[in-house]
Amino acid sequence: MKLDSNNHSVFLLYYHLVLVVKYRREVFTDEVSDFAKDMFIKIGKKYNITLIEWNHDKDHIHILFKAHPNSELSKFINAYKSASSRLIKKNFPHVRKRLWKEMFWSRSFCLLTTGGAPIAVIKKYIENQGRN
């Protein structure tokens, strides 16, 4: 396992993000998804975020990405949702027609941390610290 680092820390921070289209409107095609993915990569660079994996269904996207400890995840997600909503509607007029009141993304999102070891293993490791 290769760890990331900066001047003051060593880290490995993976996240799984799920974004859903408002009212589950089925607007994602491969073309729209590729456009949204390119935007994620571009905006992510400003927040020290690196895309690892991307996939979509008709009404939502799944994203696996790496971040730095100084990445402001909620600010990044809000910036991404705002910019992608505006530009997808601008570049894909047919999508705009399928939306409700011009709203693209649902207000909520799902962000999960991911890691190599199950929580139970980490908990056991911490409990056993200091024991022979």
Protein backbone atom coordinates (compact mmCIF):
# COMPACT_ATOMS: atom_id res chain seq x y z
CA MET A 1 0.00 0.00 0.00
CA LYS A 2 1.50 3.31 -1.10
CA LEU A 3 0.68 6.24 1.18
CA ASP A 4 0.33 9.85 0.07
CA SER A 5 2.24 12.58 1.86
CA ASN A 6 2.76 16.31 2.14
CA ASN A 7 5.17 18.40 4.22
CA HIS A 8 3.63 17.46 7.56
CA SER A 9 1.72 14.22 7.24
CA VAL A 10 1.31 10.82 5.65
CA PHE A 11 -2.20 9.78 4.67
CA LEU A 12 -4.43 7.65 2.49
CA LEU A 13 -7.95 9.08 2.28
CA TYR A 14 -10.42 7.43 -0.08
CA TYR A 15 -14.06 8.50 -0.35
CA HIS A 16 -17.13 7.13 -2.10
CA LEU A 17 -19.51 9.89 -3.20
CA VAL A 18 -23.02 9.34 -4.54
CA LEU A 19 -24.88 12.24 -6.15
CA VAL A 20 -28.52 11.88 -7.16
CA VAL A 21 -30.48 13.90 -9.71
CA LYS A 22 -33.38 15.81 -8.14
CA TYR A 23 -36.50 13.61 -8.00
CA ARG A 24 -34.46 10.84 -9.61
CA ARG A 25 -35.00 12.26 -13.10
CA GLU A 26 -33.35 9.94 -15.60
CA VAL A 27 -31.01 12.30 -17.44
CA PHE A 28 -27.60 10.62 -17.40
CA THR A 29 -26.29 9.24 -20.66
CA ASP A 30 -22.69 8.29 -21.40
CA GLU A 31 -22.17 11.71 -22.97
CA VAL A 32 -23.58 13.66 -20.01
CA SER A 33 -21.65 11.43 -17.60
CA ASP A 34 -18.36 12.01 -19.44
CA PHE A 35 -18.96 15.77 -19.36
CA ALA A 36 -19.71 15.65 -15.61
CA LYS A 37 -16.65 13.46 -15.03
CA ASP A 38 -14.34 15.90 -16.83
CA MET A 39 -15.72 18.72 -14.68
CA PHE A 40 -15.08 16.67 -11.52
CA ILE A 41 -11.43 16.19 -12.52
CA LYS A 42 -10.97 19.87 -13.36
CA ILE A 43 -12.59 21.24 -10.19
CA GLY A 44 -11.02 18.51 -8.04
CA LYS A 45 -7.50 19.73 -8.83
CA LYS A 46 -8.20 22.97 -6.97
CA TYR A 47 -9.13 20.97 -3.84
CA ASN A 48 -6.35 18.31 -3.95
CA ILE A 49 -8.87 15.69 -5.05
CA THR A 50 -8.02 12.89 -7.46
CA LEU A 51 -10.62 10.82 -9.29
CA ILE A 52 -10.09 7.06 -8.98
CA GLU A 53 -13.30 5.58 -10.41
CA TRP A 54 -16.52 6.94 -11.92
CA ASN A 55 -19.75 5.34 -13.06
CA HIS A 56 -23.34 6.38 -13.58
CA ASP A 57 -26.85 5.09 -13.79
CA LYS A 58 -29.72 7.00 -15.39
CA ASP A 59 -30.43 9.08 -12.27
CA HIS A 60 -27.24 9.13 -10.17
CA ILE A 61 -23.46 8.86 -10.19
CA HIS A 62 -20.94 6.98 -8.06
CA ILE A 63 -17.47 8.45 -7.58
CA LEU A 64 -14.42 7.02 -5.83
CA PHE A 65 -11.77 9.63 -5.14
CA LYS A 66 -8.69 10.37 -3.04
CA ALA A 67 -8.25 13.57 -1.04
CA HIS A 68 -5.66 15.34 1.09
CA PRO A 69 -6.24 16.17 4.77
CA ASN A 70 -6.57 19.86 3.83
CA SER A 71 -9.26 19.20 1.20
CA GLU A 72 -12.48 20.95 2.14
CA LEU A 73 -14.86 18.24 1.03
CA SER A 74 -18.17 19.99 1.63
CA LYS A 75 -16.96 23.12 -0.18
CA PHE A 76 -15.69 21.00 -3.06
CA ILE A 77 -18.94 19.04 -3.36
CA ASN A 78 -21.02 22.22 -3.31
CA ALA A 79 -18.76 23.89 -5.89
CA TYR A 80 -18.93 20.81 -8.09
CA LYS A 81 -22.71 20.46 -7.82
CA SER A 82 -23.24 24.15 -8.60
CA ALA A 83 -20.89 24.31 -11.60
CA SER A 84 -21.92 20.97 -13.05
CA SER A 85 -25.62 21.77 -12.74
CA ARG A 86 -25.21 25.06 -14.57
CA LEU A 87 -22.96 23.73 -17.32
CA ILE A 88 -24.81 20.47 -17.94
CA LYS A 89 -28.06 22.40 -18.43
CA LYS A 90 -26.27 24.86 -20.72
CA ASN A 91 -24.52 22.23 -22.87
CA PHE A 92 -27.32 19.65 -22.93
CA PRO A 93 -30.63 21.50 -23.50
CA HIS A 94 -32.58 18.24 -23.64
CA VAL A 95 -31.60 17.60 -20.01
CA ARG A 96 -33.07 20.90 -18.87
CA LYS A 97 -36.48 19.86 -20.24
CA ARG A 98 -36.53 16.76 -18.04
CA LEU A 99 -35.80 18.58 -14.79
CA TRP A 100 -38.16 19.97 -12.20
CA LYS A 101 -37.88 23.77 -11.80
CA GLU A 102 -34.37 23.84 -13.25
CA MET A 103 -32.97 21.92 -10.28
CA PHE A 104 -30.41 19.33 -11.32
CA TRP A 105 -28.97 17.75 -8.17
CA SER A 106 -30.76 16.69 -5.03
CA ARG A 107 -29.76 18.89 -2.06
CA SER A 108 -28.35 15.91 -0.21
CA PHE A 109 -25.43 13.64 -1.04
CA CYS A 110 -23.89 10.46 0.32
CA LEU A 111 -20.20 10.58 1.25
CA LEU A 112 -18.58 7.48 2.71
CA THR A 113 -15.03 6.92 3.85
CA THR A 114 -13.41 3.80 2.53
CA GLY A 115 -10.38 1.92 3.71
CA GLY A 116 -8.43 -1.28 3.62
CA ALA A 117 -9.35 -2.64 7.05
CA PRO A 118 -12.80 -3.24 8.52
CA ILE A 119 -13.75 -1.04 11.49
CA ALA A 120 -13.77 -4.07 13.81
CA VAL A 121 -10.11 -4.82 12.98
CA ILE A 122 -9.05 -1.21 13.63
CA LYS A 123 -11.04 -1.13 16.89
CA LYS A 124 -9.36 -4.35 18.05
CA TYR A 125 -5.91 -2.96 17.10
CA ILE A 126 -6.52 0.20 19.16
CA GLU A 127 -7.90 -1.79 22.11
CA ASN A 128 -4.75 -3.92 22.18
CA GLN A 129 -2.27 -1.03 22.19
CA GLY A 130 0.09 -1.14 25.15
CA ARG A 131 -0.44 -4.86 25.77
CA ASN A 132 2.29 -7.43 25.36
